[in-house]
């Protein structure tokens, strides 16, 4: 019988905000990673759009996006 290792999903939660002067370029306030977000960098002040493109290009799926106006929360999951 072969033993298989079950890999847990990688989960990324991003709290972001909009600058009222540039409302179409939200930036990351804080990112929480369970597992790994490699090769993506999720630093405070970074563009949410750039981070989202990186995550989506690396097999993550956007599972939730809550837009509260000035602030919002985006959640991504990568399953193996």
PDB file of N, CA and C in Angstrom:
ATOM      1  N   UNK A   1       0.850  -1.172   0.000  1.00  0.00           N
ATOM      2  CA  UNK A   1       0.000   0.000   0.000  1.00  0.00           C
ATOM      3  C   UNK A   1       0.896   1.236   0.000  1.00  0.00           C
ATOM      4  N   UNK A   2       0.677   2.124  -0.931  1.00  0.00           N
ATOM      5  CA  UNK A   2       1.500   3.331  -0.985  1.00  0.00           C
ATOM      6  C   UNK A   2       0.853   4.432  -0.162  1.00  0.00           C
ATOM      7  N   UNK A   3       1.701   5.141   0.536  1.00  0.00           N
ATOM      8  CA  UNK A   3       1.210   6.246   1.355  1.00  0.00           C
ATOM      9  C   UNK A   3       1.234   7.514   0.514  1.00  0.00           C
ATOM     10  N   UNK A   4       0.130   8.193   0.453  1.00  0.00           N
ATOM     11  CA  UNK A   4       0.087   9.448  -0.285  1.00  0.00           C
ATOM     12  C   UNK A   4      -0.044  10.598   0.706  1.00  0.00           C
ATOM     13  N   UNK A   5       0.686  11.641   0.412  1.00  0.00           N
ATOM     14  CA  UNK A   5       0.648  12.819   1.265  1.00  0.00           C
ATOM     15  C   UNK A   5      -0.401  13.769   0.715  1.00  0.00           C
ATOM     16  N   UNK A   6      -1.328  14.129   1.548  1.00  0.00           N
ATOM     17  CA  UNK A   6      -2.379  15.064   1.144  1.00  0.00           C
ATOM     18  C   UNK A   6      -1.879  16.474   1.397  1.00  0.00           C
ATOM     19  N   UNK A   7      -1.871  17.275   0.351  1.00  0.00           N
ATOM     20  CA  UNK A   7      -1.405  18.654   0.467  1.00  0.00           C
ATOM     21  C   UNK A   7      -2.603  19.556   0.739  1.00  0.00           C
ATOM     22  N   UNK A   8      -2.456  20.388   1.726  1.00  0.00           N
ATOM     23  CA  UNK A   8      -3.520  21.335   2.061  1.00  0.00           C
ATOM     24  C   UNK A   8      -3.541  22.479   1.048  1.00  0.00           C
ATOM     25  N   UNK A   9      -4.691  23.079   0.855  1.00  0.00           N
ATOM     26  CA  UNK A   9      -4.760  24.203  -0.094  1.00  0.00           C
ATOM     27  C   UNK A   9      -4.030  25.424   0.460  1.00  0.00           C
ATOM     28  N   UNK A  10      -3.527  26.237  -0.442  1.00  0.00           N
ATOM     29  CA  UNK A  10      -2.943  27.527  -0.074  1.00  0.00           C
ATOM     30  C   UNK A  10      -4.066  28.562  -0.095  1.00  0.00           C
ATOM     31  N   UNK A  11      -4.123  29.389   0.941  1.00  0.00           N
ATOM     32  CA  UNK A  11      -5.183  30.389   1.063  1.00  0.00           C
ATOM     33  C   UNK A  11      -4.547  31.767   1.276  1.00  0.00           C
ATOM     34  N   UNK A  12      -5.008  32.748   0.508  1.00  0.00           N
ATOM     35  CA  UNK A  12      -4.518  34.118   0.631  1.00  0.00           C
ATOM     36  C   UNK A  12      -5.717  35.038   0.841  1.00  0.00           C
ATOM     37  N   UNK A  13      -5.658  35.829   1.896  1.00  0.00           N
ATOM     38  CA  UNK A  13      -6.679  36.841   2.164  1.00  0.00           C
ATOM     39  C   UNK A  13      -6.006  38.207   2.115  1.00  0.00           C
ATOM     40  N   UNK A  14      -6.561  39.109   1.325  1.00  0.00           N
ATOM     41  CA  UNK A  14      -5.978  40.439   1.148  1.00  0.00           C
ATOM     42  C   UNK A  14      -6.982  41.498   1.577  1.00  0.00           C
ATOM     43  N   UNK A  15      -6.564  42.346   2.501  1.00  0.00           N
ATOM     44  CA  UNK A  15      -7.327  43.546   2.861  1.00  0.00           C
ATOM     45  C   UNK A  15      -6.752  44.673   2.019  1.00  0.00           C
ATOM     46  N   UNK A  16      -7.616  45.352   1.271  1.00  0.00           N
ATOM     47  CA  UNK A  16      -7.147  46.405   0.380  1.00  0.00           C
ATOM     48  C   UNK A  16      -7.941  47.688   0.595  1.00  0.00           C
ATOM     49  N   UNK A  17      -7.373  48.784   0.088  1.00  0.00           N
ATOM     50  CA  UNK A  17      -8.054  50.077   0.189  1.00  0.00           C
ATOM     51  C   UNK A  17      -7.879  50.860  -1.100  1.00  0.00           C
ATOM     52  N   UNK A  18      -8.832  51.755  -1.311  1.00  0.00           N
ATOM     53  CA  UNK A  18      -8.763  52.669  -2.452  1.00  0.00           C
ATOM     54  C   UNK A  18      -8.341  54.038  -1.946  1.00  0.00           C
ATOM     55  N   UNK A  19      -7.494  54.675  -2.706  1.00  0.00           N
ATOM     56  CA  UNK A  19      -7.165  56.075  -2.462  1.00  0.00           C
ATOM     57  C   UNK A  19      -8.230  56.885  -3.190  1.00  0.00           C
ATOM     58  N   UNK A  20      -8.848  57.812  -2.519  1.00  0.00           N
ATOM     59  CA  UNK A  20      -9.934  58.584  -3.140  1.00  0.00           C
ATOM     60  C   UNK A  20      -9.465  59.399  -4.340  1.00  0.00           C
ATOM     61  N   UNK A  21      -8.163  59.708  -4.403  1.00  0.00           N
ATOM     62  CA  UNK A  21      -7.641  60.453  -5.547  1.00  0.00           C
ATOM     63  C   UNK A  21      -7.402  59.551  -6.754  1.00  0.00           C
ATOM     64  N   UNK A  22      -7.162  58.253  -6.506  1.00  0.00           N
ATOM     65  CA  UNK A  22      -6.960  57.280  -7.587  1.00  0.00           C
ATOM     66  C   UNK A  22      -7.797  56.037  -7.288  1.00  0.00           C
ATOM     67  N   UNK A  23      -9.128  56.134  -7.439  1.00  0.00           N
ATOM     68  CA  UNK A  23     -10.021  55.060  -7.004  1.00  0.00           C
ATOM     69  C   UNK A  23      -9.918  53.764  -7.805  1.00  0.00           C
ATOM     70  N   UNK A  24      -9.287  53.797  -8.983  1.00  0.00           N
ATOM     71  CA  UNK A  24      -9.222  52.589  -9.805  1.00  0.00           C
ATOM     72  C   UNK A  24      -7.936  51.796  -9.590  1.00  0.00           C
ATOM     73  N   UNK A  25      -7.135  52.195  -8.609  1.00  0.00           N
ATOM     74  CA  UNK A  25      -5.890  51.471  -8.318  1.00  0.00           C
ATOM     75  C   UNK A  25      -5.829  51.140  -6.832  1.00  0.00           C
ATOM     76  N   UNK A  26      -6.607  50.138  -6.387  1.00  0.00           N
ATOM     77  CA  UNK A  26      -6.576  49.757  -4.974  1.00  0.00           C
ATOM     78  C   UNK A  26      -5.213  49.174  -4.595  1.00  0.00           C
ATOM     79  N   UNK A  27      -4.820  49.405  -3.352  1.00  0.00           N
ATOM     80  CA  UNK A  27      -3.536  48.916  -2.858  1.00  0.00           C
ATOM     81  C   UNK A  27      -3.746  47.991  -1.659  1.00  0.00           C
ATOM     82  N   UNK A  28      -2.776  47.121  -1.449  1.00  0.00           N
ATOM     83  CA  UNK A  28      -2.833  46.166  -0.349  1.00  0.00           C
ATOM     84  C   UNK A  28      -2.539  46.871   0.971  1.00  0.00           C
ATOM     85  N   UNK A  29      -3.393  46.630   1.966  1.00  0.00           N
ATOM     86  CA  UNK A  29      -3.153  47.111   3.328  1.00  0.00           C
ATOM     87  C   UNK A  29      -2.459  46.008   4.114  1.00  0.00           C
ATOM     88  N   UNK A  30      -2.975  44.780   3.984  1.00  0.00           N
ATOM     89  CA  UNK A  30      -2.414  43.636   4.688  1.00  0.00           C
ATOM     90  C   UNK A  30      -2.796  42.359   3.946  1.00  0.00           C
ATOM     91  N   UNK A  31      -1.878  41.409   3.934  1.00  0.00           N
ATOM     92  CA  UNK A  31      -2.151  40.114   3.317  1.00  0.00           C
ATOM     93  C   UNK A  31      -1.825  39.013   4.317  1.00  0.00           C
ATOM     94  N   UNK A  32      -2.719  38.028   4.409  1.00  0.00           N
ATOM     95  CA  UNK A  32      -2.518  36.867   5.262  1.00  0.00           C
ATOM     96  C   UNK A  32      -2.435  35.643   4.378  1.00  0.00           C
ATOM     97  N   UNK A  33      -1.400  34.834   4.591  1.00  0.00           N
ATOM     98  CA  UNK A  33      -1.179  33.649   3.764  1.00  0.00           C
ATOM     99  C   UNK A  33      -1.169  32.416   4.659  1.00  0.00           C
ATOM    100  N   UNK A  34      -1.975  31.441   4.301  1.00  0.00           N
ATOM    101  CA  UNK A  34      -1.933  30.124   4.930  1.00  0.00           C
ATOM    102  C   UNK A  34      -1.374  29.194   3.875  1.00  0.00           C
ATOM    103  N   UNK A  35      -0.236  28.611   4.147  1.00  0.00           N
ATOM    104  CA  UNK A  35       0.457  27.800   3.156  1.00  0.00           C
ATOM    105  C   UNK A  35       1.506  28.652   2.477  1.00  0.00           C
ATOM    106  N   UNK A  36       1.360  28.839   1.170  1.00  0.00           N
ATOM    107  CA  UNK A  36       2.346  29.596   0.408  1.00  0.00           C
ATOM    108  C   UNK A  36       1.663  30.410  -0.687  1.00  0.00           C
ATOM    109  N   UNK A  37       2.225  31.577  -0.970  1.00  0.00           N
ATOM    110  CA  UNK A  37       1.760  32.400  -2.086  1.00  0.00           C
ATOM    111  C   UNK A  37       2.849  32.512  -3.146  1.00  0.00           C
ATOM    112  N   UNK A  38       3.899  31.695  -3.012  1.00  0.00           N
ATOM    113  CA  UNK A  38       5.018  31.775  -3.949  1.00  0.00           C
ATOM    114  C   UNK A  38       4.540  31.515  -5.361  1.00  0.00           C
ATOM    115  N   UNK A  39       5.026  32.239  -6.314  1.00  0.00           N
ATOM    116  CA  UNK A  39       6.118  33.194  -6.323  1.00  0.00           C
ATOM    117  C   UNK A  39       5.662  34.644  -6.150  1.00  0.00           C
ATOM    118  N   UNK A  40       4.446  34.867  -5.706  1.00  0.00           N
ATOM    119  CA  UNK A  40       3.889  36.222  -5.629  1.00  0.00           C
ATOM    120  C   UNK A  40       4.335  36.947  -4.356  1.00  0.00           C
ATOM    121  N   UNK A  41       4.603  38.235  -4.503  1.00  0.00           N
ATOM    122  CA  UNK A  41       4.911  39.094  -3.365  1.00  0.00           C
ATOM    123  C   UNK A  41       3.664  39.891  -3.027  1.00  0.00           C
ATOM    124  N   UNK A  42       3.266  39.855  -1.776  1.00  0.00           N
ATOM    125  CA  UNK A  42       2.044  40.533  -1.334  1.00  0.00           C
ATOM    126  C   UNK A  42       2.399  41.523  -0.236  1.00  0.00           C
ATOM    127  N   UNK A  43       2.986  42.624  -0.631  1.00  0.00           N
ATOM    128  CA  UNK A  43       3.453  43.613   0.323  1.00  0.00           C
ATOM    129  C   UNK A  43       2.472  44.767   0.467  1.00  0.00           C
ATOM    130  N   UNK A  44       2.399  45.322   1.669  1.00  0.00           N
ATOM    131  CA  UNK A  44       1.555  46.498   1.910  1.00  0.00           C
ATOM    132  C   UNK A  44       1.999  47.620   0.972  1.00  0.00           C
ATOM    133  N   UNK A  45       1.015  48.283   0.377  1.00  0.00           N
ATOM    134  CA  UNK A  45       1.290  49.369  -0.552  1.00  0.00           C
ATOM    135  C   UNK A  45       1.362  48.927  -2.007  1.00  0.00           C
ATOM    136  N   UNK A  46       1.460  47.628  -2.245  1.00  0.00           N
ATOM    137  CA  UNK A  46       1.515  47.090  -3.604  1.00  0.00           C
ATOM    138  C   UNK A  46       0.130  47.143  -4.239  1.00  0.00           C
ATOM    139  N   UNK A  47       0.102  47.238  -5.541  1.00  0.00           N
ATOM    140  CA  UNK A  47      -1.148  47.258  -6.289  1.00  0.00           C
ATOM    141  C   UNK A  47      -1.894  45.938  -6.131  1.00  0.00           C
ATOM    142  N   UNK A  48      -3.182  46.017  -5.806  1.00  0.00           N
ATOM    143  CA  UNK A  48      -4.013  44.820  -5.719  1.00  0.00           C
ATOM    144  C   UNK A  48      -4.120  44.141  -7.078  1.00  0.00           C
ATOM    145  N   UNK A  49      -4.183  44.916  -8.133  1.00  0.00           N
ATOM    146  CA  UNK A  49      -4.312  44.360  -9.479  1.00  0.00           C
ATOM    147  C   UNK A  49      -3.081  43.531  -9.837  1.00  0.00           C
ATOM    148  N   UNK A  50      -1.888  44.041  -9.549  1.00  0.00           N
ATOM    149  CA  UNK A  50      -0.654  43.311  -9.825  1.00  0.00           C
ATOM    150  C   UNK A  50      -0.603  42.014  -9.019  1.00  0.00           C
ATOM    151  N   UNK A  51      -0.960  42.083  -7.744  1.00  0.00           N
ATOM    152  CA  UNK A  51      -0.960  40.894  -6.891  1.00  0.00           C
ATOM    153  C   UNK A  51      -1.985  39.873  -7.375  1.00  0.00           C
ATOM    154  N   UNK A  52      -3.161  40.335  -7.769  1.00  0.00           N
ATOM    155  CA  UNK A  52      -4.208  39.429  -8.253  1.00  0.00           C
ATOM    156  C   UNK A  52      -3.793  38.729  -9.541  1.00  0.00           C
ATOM    157  N   UNK A  53      -3.170  39.450 -10.452  1.00  0.00           N
ATOM    158  CA  UNK A  53      -2.700  38.851 -11.702  1.00  0.00           C
ATOM    159  C   UNK A  53      -1.670  37.772 -11.405  1.00  0.00           C
ATOM    160  N   UNK A  54      -0.762  38.048 -10.482  1.00  0.00           N
ATOM    161  CA  UNK A  54       0.247  37.062 -10.116  1.00  0.00           C
ATOM    162  C   UNK A  54      -0.404  35.815  -9.525  1.00  0.00           C
ATOM    163  N   UNK A  55      -1.327  35.998  -8.593  1.00  0.00           N
ATOM    164  CA  UNK A  55      -1.993  34.850  -7.968  1.00  0.00           C
ATOM    165  C   UNK A  55      -2.776  34.034  -8.989  1.00  0.00           C
ATOM    166  N   UNK A  56      -3.553  34.700  -9.817  1.00  0.00           N
ATOM    167  CA  UNK A  56      -4.361  33.994 -10.821  1.00  0.00           C
ATOM    168  C   UNK A  56      -3.492  33.275 -11.853  1.00  0.00           C
ATOM    169  N   UNK A  57      -2.313  33.812 -12.136  1.00  0.00           N
ATOM    170  CA  UNK A  57      -1.385  33.186 -13.082  1.00  0.00           C
ATOM    171  C   UNK A  57      -0.684  31.976 -12.477  1.00  0.00           C
ATOM    172  N   UNK A  58      -0.803  31.819 -11.165  1.00  0.00           N
ATOM    173  CA  UNK A  58      -0.145  30.715 -10.470  1.00  0.00           C
ATOM    174  C   UNK A  58      -1.145  29.780  -9.811  1.00  0.00           C
ATOM    175  N   UNK A  59      -2.220  29.499 -10.536  1.00  0.00           N
ATOM    176  CA  UNK A  59      -3.237  28.499 -10.188  1.00  0.00           C
ATOM    177  C   UNK A  59      -4.107  28.858  -8.976  1.00  0.00           C
ATOM    178  N   UNK A  60      -4.101  30.099  -8.532  1.00  0.00           N
ATOM    179  CA  UNK A  60      -5.044  30.509  -7.503  1.00  0.00           C
ATOM    180  C   UNK A  60      -6.373  30.843  -8.161  1.00  0.00           C
ATOM    181  N   UNK A  61      -7.438  30.723  -7.399  1.00  0.00           N
ATOM    182  CA  UNK A  61      -8.782  31.063  -7.861  1.00  0.00           C
ATOM    183  C   UNK A  61      -9.357  32.087  -6.890  1.00  0.00           C
ATOM    184  N   UNK A  62      -9.965  33.137  -7.417  1.00  0.00           N
ATOM    185  CA  UNK A  62     -10.632  34.118  -6.571  1.00  0.00           C
ATOM    186  C   UNK A  62     -11.946  33.510  -6.096  1.00  0.00           C
ATOM    187  N   UNK A  63     -12.083  33.318  -4.784  1.00  0.00           N
ATOM    188  CA  UNK A  63     -13.295  32.687  -4.259  1.00  0.00           C
ATOM    189  C   UNK A  63     -14.231  33.688  -3.597  1.00  0.00           C
ATOM    190  N   UNK A  64     -13.696  34.859  -3.226  1.00  0.00           N
ATOM    191  CA  UNK A  64     -14.545  35.857  -2.585  1.00  0.00           C
ATOM    192  C   UNK A  64     -13.934  37.228  -2.785  1.00  0.00           C
ATOM    193  N   UNK A  65     -14.786  38.200  -3.074  1.00  0.00           N
ATOM    194  CA  UNK A  65     -14.344  39.583  -3.194  1.00  0.00           C
ATOM    195  C   UNK A  65     -15.443  40.465  -2.611  1.00  0.00           C
ATOM    196  N   UNK A  66     -15.141  41.093  -1.497  1.00  0.00           N
ATOM    197  CA  UNK A  66     -16.111  41.956  -0.830  1.00  0.00           C
ATOM    198  C   UNK A  66     -15.629  43.394  -0.965  1.00  0.00           C
ATOM    199  N   UNK A  67     -16.421  44.211  -1.639  1.00  0.00           N
ATOM    200  CA  UNK A  67     -16.084  45.609  -1.870  1.00  0.00           C
ATOM    201  C   UNK A  67     -16.935  46.461  -0.944  1.00  0.00           C
ATOM    202  N   UNK A  68     -16.280  47.108   0.022  1.00  0.00           N
ATOM    203  CA  UNK A  68     -16.985  47.937   0.997  1.00  0.00           C
ATOM    204  C   UNK A  68     -16.844  49.423   0.700  1.00  0.00           C
ATOM    205  N   UNK A  69     -16.512  49.743  -0.532  1.00  0.00           N
ATOM    206  CA  UNK A  69     -16.340  51.142  -0.916  1.00  0.00           C
ATOM    207  C   UNK A  69     -14.876  51.518  -0.900  1.00  0.00           C
ATOM    208  N   UNK A  70     -14.411  52.072   0.222  1.00  0.00           N
ATOM    209  CA  UNK A  70     -13.010  52.471   0.335  1.00  0.00           C
ATOM    210  C   UNK A  70     -12.131  51.260   0.647  1.00  0.00           C
ATOM    211  N   UNK A  71     -12.657  50.309   1.400  1.00  0.00           N
ATOM    212  CA  UNK A  71     -11.916  49.098   1.756  1.00  0.00           C
ATOM    213  C   UNK A  71     -12.582  47.882   1.134  1.00  0.00           C
ATOM    214  N   UNK A  72     -11.817  46.786   1.075  1.00  0.00           N
ATOM    215  CA  UNK A  72     -12.371  45.545   0.574  1.00  0.00           C
ATOM    216  C   UNK A  72     -11.517  44.369   0.996  1.00  0.00           C
ATOM    217  N   UNK A  73     -12.043  43.178   0.778  1.00  0.00           N
ATOM    218  CA  UNK A  73     -11.351  41.946   1.120  1.00  0.00           C
ATOM    219  C   UNK A  73     -11.445  41.013  -0.090  1.00  0.00           C
ATOM    220  N   UNK A  74     -10.312  40.452  -0.484  1.00  0.00           N
ATOM    221  CA  UNK A  74     -10.264  39.478  -1.576  1.00  0.00           C
ATOM    222  C   UNK A  74      -9.653  38.200  -1.027  1.00  0.00           C
ATOM    223  N   UNK A  75     -10.238  37.069  -1.397  1.00  0.00           N
ATOM    224  CA  UNK A  75      -9.746  35.790  -0.912  1.00  0.00           C
ATOM    225  C   UNK A  75      -9.472  34.861  -2.091  1.00  0.00           C
ATOM    226  N   UNK A  76      -8.291  34.261  -2.080  1.00  0.00           N
ATOM    227  CA  UNK A  76      -7.844  33.365  -3.149  1.00  0.00           C
ATOM    228  C   UNK A  76      -7.496  32.013  -2.559  1.00  0.00           C
ATOM    229  N   UNK A  77      -7.714  30.946  -3.334  1.00  0.00           N
ATOM    230  CA  UNK A  77      -7.373  29.590  -2.907  1.00  0.00           C
ATOM    231  C   UNK A  77      -6.677  28.882  -4.065  1.00  0.00           C
ATOM    232  N   UNK A  78      -5.604  28.135  -3.730  1.00  0.00           N
ATOM    233  CA  UNK A  78      -4.930  27.300  -4.721  1.00  0.00           C
ATOM    234  C   UNK A  78      -5.025  25.865  -4.244  1.00  0.00           C
ATOM    235  N   UNK A  79      -5.695  25.036  -5.040  1.00  0.00           N
ATOM    236  CA  UNK A  79      -5.851  23.618  -4.735  1.00  0.00           C
ATOM    237  C   UNK A  79      -4.846  22.830  -5.569  1.00  0.00           C
ATOM    238  N   UNK A  80      -4.388  21.738  -5.039  1.00  0.00           N
ATOM    239  CA  UNK A  80      -3.452  20.890  -5.783  1.00  0.00           C
ATOM    240  C   UNK A  80      -4.108  19.623  -6.196  1.00  0.00           C
TER     241      UNK A  80
END
